[in-house]
C-alpha cells in the first residue's frame, strides 16, 4: 500500500489526490490536471467574452440602423400632408377640377415613394459597395 506524504493516510496507487487532505499523490498527474483545467477555463472565458462582444456589436448595429432610417416615415407623412394641402388649395382656387384631384393625389404619392426608394437604394449602395 501507498501512504499520503502529507497526512499519512493509506491510499490506493491509482489515486491522484489524497481523499482526506487533498494533497497531490502523483505530482506529474496533478500538475497536468491543473494545467488542463486552467487551460479549459481560459478557453471558456475567451469564448464567453467573444460571444458577449458579438452580441454588443449586433445591438449597436441594430440601434444604428433604426436611427438611420427613422426619419423616412415622418418625411413621407409630411410630404403627403404638404401635397394634400397643395391639391386642396388648387381646387379651392379653381386651378384643379374635382375630377383631377384624386388622380393628382395618387401621382404625387407615387412620386414620393419612388424618390424615397431611390434614396434608400443610394444609401444602401454606399454602406455596402460591390467588391
C-alpha atoms as a PDB file:
ATOM      1  CA  UNK A   1       0.000   0.000   0.000  1.00  0.00           C
ATOM      2  CA  UNK A   2       0.888   3.636  -0.551  1.00  0.00           C
ATOM      3  CA  UNK A   3       0.553   6.384   2.065  1.00  0.00           C
ATOM      4  CA  UNK A   4      -0.109  10.096   1.674  1.00  0.00           C
ATOM      5  CA  UNK A   5       3.127  12.067   2.130  1.00  0.00           C
ATOM      6  CA  UNK A   6       1.286  14.905   3.837  1.00  0.00           C
ATOM      7  CA  UNK A   7      -1.124  13.280   6.323  1.00  0.00           C
ATOM      8  CA  UNK A   8      -0.078   9.602   6.232  1.00  0.00           C
ATOM      9  CA  UNK A   9      -3.487   8.228   5.212  1.00  0.00           C
ATOM     10  CA  UNK A  10      -3.449   4.919   3.373  1.00  0.00           C
ATOM     11  CA  UNK A  11      -4.406   5.402  -0.326  1.00  0.00           C
ATOM     12  CA  UNK A  12      -4.585   3.273  -3.484  1.00  0.00           C
ATOM     13  CA  UNK A  13      -1.872   3.516  -6.112  1.00  0.00           C
ATOM     14  CA  UNK A  14      -4.385   4.702  -8.743  1.00  0.00           C
ATOM     15  CA  UNK A  15      -5.419   7.751  -6.713  1.00  0.00           C
ATOM     16  CA  UNK A  16      -4.077  11.115  -7.804  1.00  0.00           C
ATOM     17  CA  UNK A  17      -5.164  13.091  -4.697  1.00  0.00           C
ATOM     18  CA  UNK A  18      -5.493  12.124  -1.041  1.00  0.00           C
ATOM     19  CA  UNK A  19      -9.193  11.703  -0.101  1.00  0.00           C
ATOM     20  CA  UNK A  20      -8.567  13.091   3.398  1.00  0.00           C
ATOM     21  CA  UNK A  21      -6.339  16.144   2.929  1.00  0.00           C
ATOM     22  CA  UNK A  22      -6.438  16.642  -0.867  1.00  0.00           C
ATOM     23  CA  UNK A  23      -2.651  16.603  -1.299  1.00  0.00           C
ATOM     24  CA  UNK A  24      -1.264  15.579  -4.692  1.00  0.00           C
ATOM     25  CA  UNK A  25      -0.067  11.968  -4.641  1.00  0.00           C
ATOM     26  CA  UNK A  26       1.353  11.985  -8.169  1.00  0.00           C
ATOM     27  CA  UNK A  27       2.904  15.371  -8.783  1.00  0.00           C
ATOM     28  CA  UNK A  28       3.124  15.000 -12.578  1.00  0.00           C
ATOM     29  CA  UNK A  29      -0.505  13.909 -12.976  1.00  0.00           C
ATOM     30  CA  UNK A  30      -1.762  16.600 -10.591  1.00  0.00           C
ATOM     31  CA  UNK A  31       0.174  19.296 -12.423  1.00  0.00           C
ATOM     32  CA  UNK A  32      -1.130  18.116 -15.797  1.00  0.00           C
ATOM     33  CA  UNK A  33      -4.714  18.056 -14.450  1.00  0.00           C
ATOM     34  CA  UNK A  34      -4.335  21.552 -13.012  1.00  0.00           C
ATOM     35  CA  UNK A  35      -2.871  22.899 -16.265  1.00  0.00           C
ATOM     36  CA  UNK A  36      -5.617  21.299 -18.385  1.00  0.00           C
ATOM     37  CA  UNK A  37      -8.300  22.677 -16.043  1.00  0.00           C
ATOM     38  CA  UNK A  38      -6.763  26.135 -16.190  1.00  0.00           C
ATOM     39  CA  UNK A  39      -6.477  25.971 -19.987  1.00  0.00           C
ATOM     40  CA  UNK A  40     -10.092  24.856 -20.302  1.00  0.00           C
ATOM     41  CA  UNK A  41     -11.250  27.701 -18.033  1.00  0.00           C
ATOM     42  CA  UNK A  42      -9.316  30.248 -20.080  1.00  0.00           C
ATOM     43  CA  UNK A  43     -10.814  28.911 -23.302  1.00  0.00           C
ATOM     44  CA  UNK A  44     -14.331  29.065 -21.821  1.00  0.00           C
ATOM     45  CA  UNK A  45     -13.721  32.613 -20.617  1.00  0.00           C
ATOM     46  CA  UNK A  46     -12.416  33.695 -24.035  1.00  0.00           C
ATOM     47  CA  UNK A  47     -15.396  32.072 -25.756  1.00  0.00           C
ATOM     48  CA  UNK A  48     -17.826  33.787 -23.389  1.00  0.00           C
ATOM     49  CA  UNK A  49     -16.131  37.152 -23.954  1.00  0.00           C
ATOM     50  CA  UNK A  50     -16.244  36.644 -27.737  1.00  0.00           C
ATOM     51  CA  UNK A  51     -19.978  35.877 -27.600  1.00  0.00           C
ATOM     52  CA  UNK A  52     -20.569  38.969 -25.490  1.00  0.00           C
ATOM     53  CA  UNK A  53     -18.620  41.158 -27.941  1.00  0.00           C
ATOM     54  CA  UNK A  54     -20.623  39.776 -30.875  1.00  0.00           C
ATOM     55  CA  UNK A  55     -23.875  40.470 -29.026  1.00  0.00           C
ATOM     56  CA  UNK A  56     -22.811  44.048 -28.268  1.00  0.00           C
ATOM     57  CA  UNK A  57     -21.770  44.563 -31.892  1.00  0.00           C
ATOM     58  CA  UNK A  58     -25.129  43.247 -33.127  1.00  0.00           C
ATOM     59  CA  UNK A  59     -27.030  45.512 -30.711  1.00  0.00           C
ATOM     60  CA  UNK A  60     -25.012  48.556 -31.839  1.00  0.00           C
ATOM     61  CA  UNK A  61     -25.702  47.718 -35.476  1.00  0.00           C
ATOM     62  CA  UNK A  62     -29.437  47.380 -34.836  1.00  0.00           C
ATOM     63  CA  UNK A  63     -29.539  50.691 -32.983  1.00  0.00           C
ATOM     64  CA  UNK A  64     -27.633  52.397 -35.801  1.00  0.00           C
ATOM     65  CA  UNK A  65     -29.965  51.019 -38.456  1.00  0.00           C
ATOM     66  CA  UNK A  66     -33.029  52.110 -36.506  1.00  0.00           C
ATOM     67  CA  UNK A  67     -31.663  55.639 -36.187  1.00  0.00           C
ATOM     68  CA  UNK A  68     -30.549  55.813 -39.795  1.00  0.00           C
ATOM     69  CA  UNK A  69     -33.968  55.185 -41.348  1.00  0.00           C
ATOM     70  CA  UNK A  70     -36.041  56.656 -38.512  1.00  0.00           C
ATOM     71  CA  UNK A  71     -36.708  59.866 -40.436  1.00  0.00           C
ATOM     72  CA  UNK A  72     -38.211  58.263 -43.555  1.00  0.00           C
ATOM     73  CA  UNK A  73     -41.681  57.666 -42.067  1.00  0.00           C
ATOM     74  CA  UNK A  74     -42.146  61.229 -40.803  1.00  0.00           C
ATOM     75  CA  UNK A  75     -40.699  62.556 -44.072  1.00  0.00           C
ATOM     76  CA  UNK A  76     -43.239  60.653 -46.164  1.00  0.00           C
ATOM     77  CA  UNK A  77     -46.066  61.693 -43.841  1.00  0.00           C
ATOM     78  CA  UNK A  78     -45.039  65.336 -44.042  1.00  0.00           C
ATOM     79  CA  UNK A  79     -44.787  65.275 -47.821  1.00  0.00           C
ATOM     80  CA  UNK A  80     -48.225  63.669 -48.099  1.00  0.00           C
ATOM     81  CA  UNK A  81     -49.719  66.404 -45.935  1.00  0.00           C
ATOM     82  CA  UNK A  82     -47.986  69.105 -47.989  1.00  0.00           C
ATOM     83  CA  UNK A  83     -49.329  67.641 -51.241  1.00  0.00           C
ATOM     84  CA  UNK A  84     -52.816  67.268 -49.780  1.00  0.00           C
ATOM     85  CA  UNK A  85     -52.742  70.912 -48.779  1.00  0.00           C
ATOM     86  CA  UNK A  86     -51.460  71.943 -52.203  1.00  0.00           C
ATOM     87  CA  UNK A  87     -54.157  69.965 -54.005  1.00  0.00           C
ATOM     88  CA  UNK A  88     -56.843  71.376 -51.714  1.00  0.00           C
ATOM     89  CA  UNK A  89     -55.591  74.902 -52.325  1.00  0.00           C
ATOM     90  CA  UNK A  90     -55.531  74.423 -56.094  1.00  0.00           C
ATOM     91  CA  UNK A  91     -59.055  73.006 -56.040  1.00  0.00           C
ATOM     92  CA  UNK A  92     -60.430  75.857 -53.896  1.00  0.00           C
ATOM     93  CA  UNK A  93     -58.806  78.496 -56.125  1.00  0.00           C
ATOM     94  CA  UNK A  94     -60.221  76.837 -59.239  1.00  0.00           C
ATOM     95  CA  UNK A  95     -56.985  75.658 -60.854  1.00  0.00           C
ATOM     96  CA  UNK A  96     -57.951  71.974 -60.461  1.00  0.00           C
ATOM     97  CA  UNK A  97     -61.299  70.393 -61.219  1.00  0.00           C
ATOM     98  CA  UNK A  98     -62.893  67.800 -58.946  1.00  0.00           C
ATOM     99  CA  UNK A  99     -62.168  65.021 -61.409  1.00  0.00           C
ATOM    100  CA  UNK A 100     -58.404  65.537 -61.300  1.00  0.00           C
ATOM    101  CA  UNK A 101     -57.917  65.798 -57.510  1.00  0.00           C
ATOM    102  CA  UNK A 102     -57.859  62.037 -56.789  1.00  0.00           C
ATOM    103  CA  UNK A 103     -55.582  61.226 -59.702  1.00  0.00           C
ATOM    104  CA  UNK A 104     -53.210  64.077 -58.822  1.00  0.00           C
ATOM    105  CA  UNK A 105     -53.007  62.857 -55.244  1.00  0.00           C
ATOM    106  CA  UNK A 106     -52.115  59.301 -56.315  1.00  0.00           C
ATOM    107  CA  UNK A 107     -49.476  60.529 -58.763  1.00  0.00           C
ATOM    108  CA  UNK A 108     -47.844  62.684 -56.095  1.00  0.00           C
ATOM    109  CA  UNK A 109     -47.846  59.848 -53.542  1.00  0.00           C
ATOM    110  CA  UNK A 110     -46.266  57.545 -56.132  1.00  0.00           C
ATOM    111  CA  UNK A 111     -43.583  60.134 -56.852  1.00  0.00           C
ATOM    112  CA  UNK A 112     -42.795  60.465 -53.149  1.00  0.00           C
ATOM    113  CA  UNK A 113     -42.457  56.697 -52.761  1.00  0.00           C
ATOM    114  CA  UNK A 114     -40.165  56.459 -55.792  1.00  0.00           C
ATOM    115  CA  UNK A 115     -37.909  59.272 -54.528  1.00  0.00           C
ATOM    116  CA  UNK A 116     -37.620  57.721 -51.064  1.00  0.00           C
ATOM    117  CA  UNK A 117     -36.901  54.289 -52.602  1.00  0.00           C
ATOM    118  CA  UNK A 118     -34.128  55.731 -54.756  1.00  0.00           C
ATOM    119  CA  UNK A 119     -32.656  57.491 -51.732  1.00  0.00           C
ATOM    120  CA  UNK A 120     -32.670  54.236 -49.743  1.00  0.00           C
ATOM    121  CA  UNK A 121     -31.020  52.422 -52.674  1.00  0.00           C
ATOM    122  CA  UNK A 122     -28.230  55.008 -52.923  1.00  0.00           C
ATOM    123  CA  UNK A 123     -27.706  54.912 -49.172  1.00  0.00           C
ATOM    124  CA  UNK A 124     -27.518  51.100 -49.189  1.00  0.00           C
ATOM    125  CA  UNK A 125     -25.029  51.083 -52.070  1.00  0.00           C
ATOM    126  CA  UNK A 126     -22.785  53.459 -50.118  1.00  0.00           C
ATOM    127  CA  UNK A 127     -22.942  51.285 -46.999  1.00  0.00           C
ATOM    128  CA  UNK A 128     -22.302  48.017 -48.838  1.00  0.00           C
ATOM    129  CA  UNK A 129     -20.305  48.705 -52.018  1.00  0.00           C
ATOM    130  CA  UNK A 130     -19.794  45.894 -54.518  1.00  0.00           C
ATOM    131  CA  UNK A 131     -16.358  44.355 -54.465  1.00  0.00           C
END
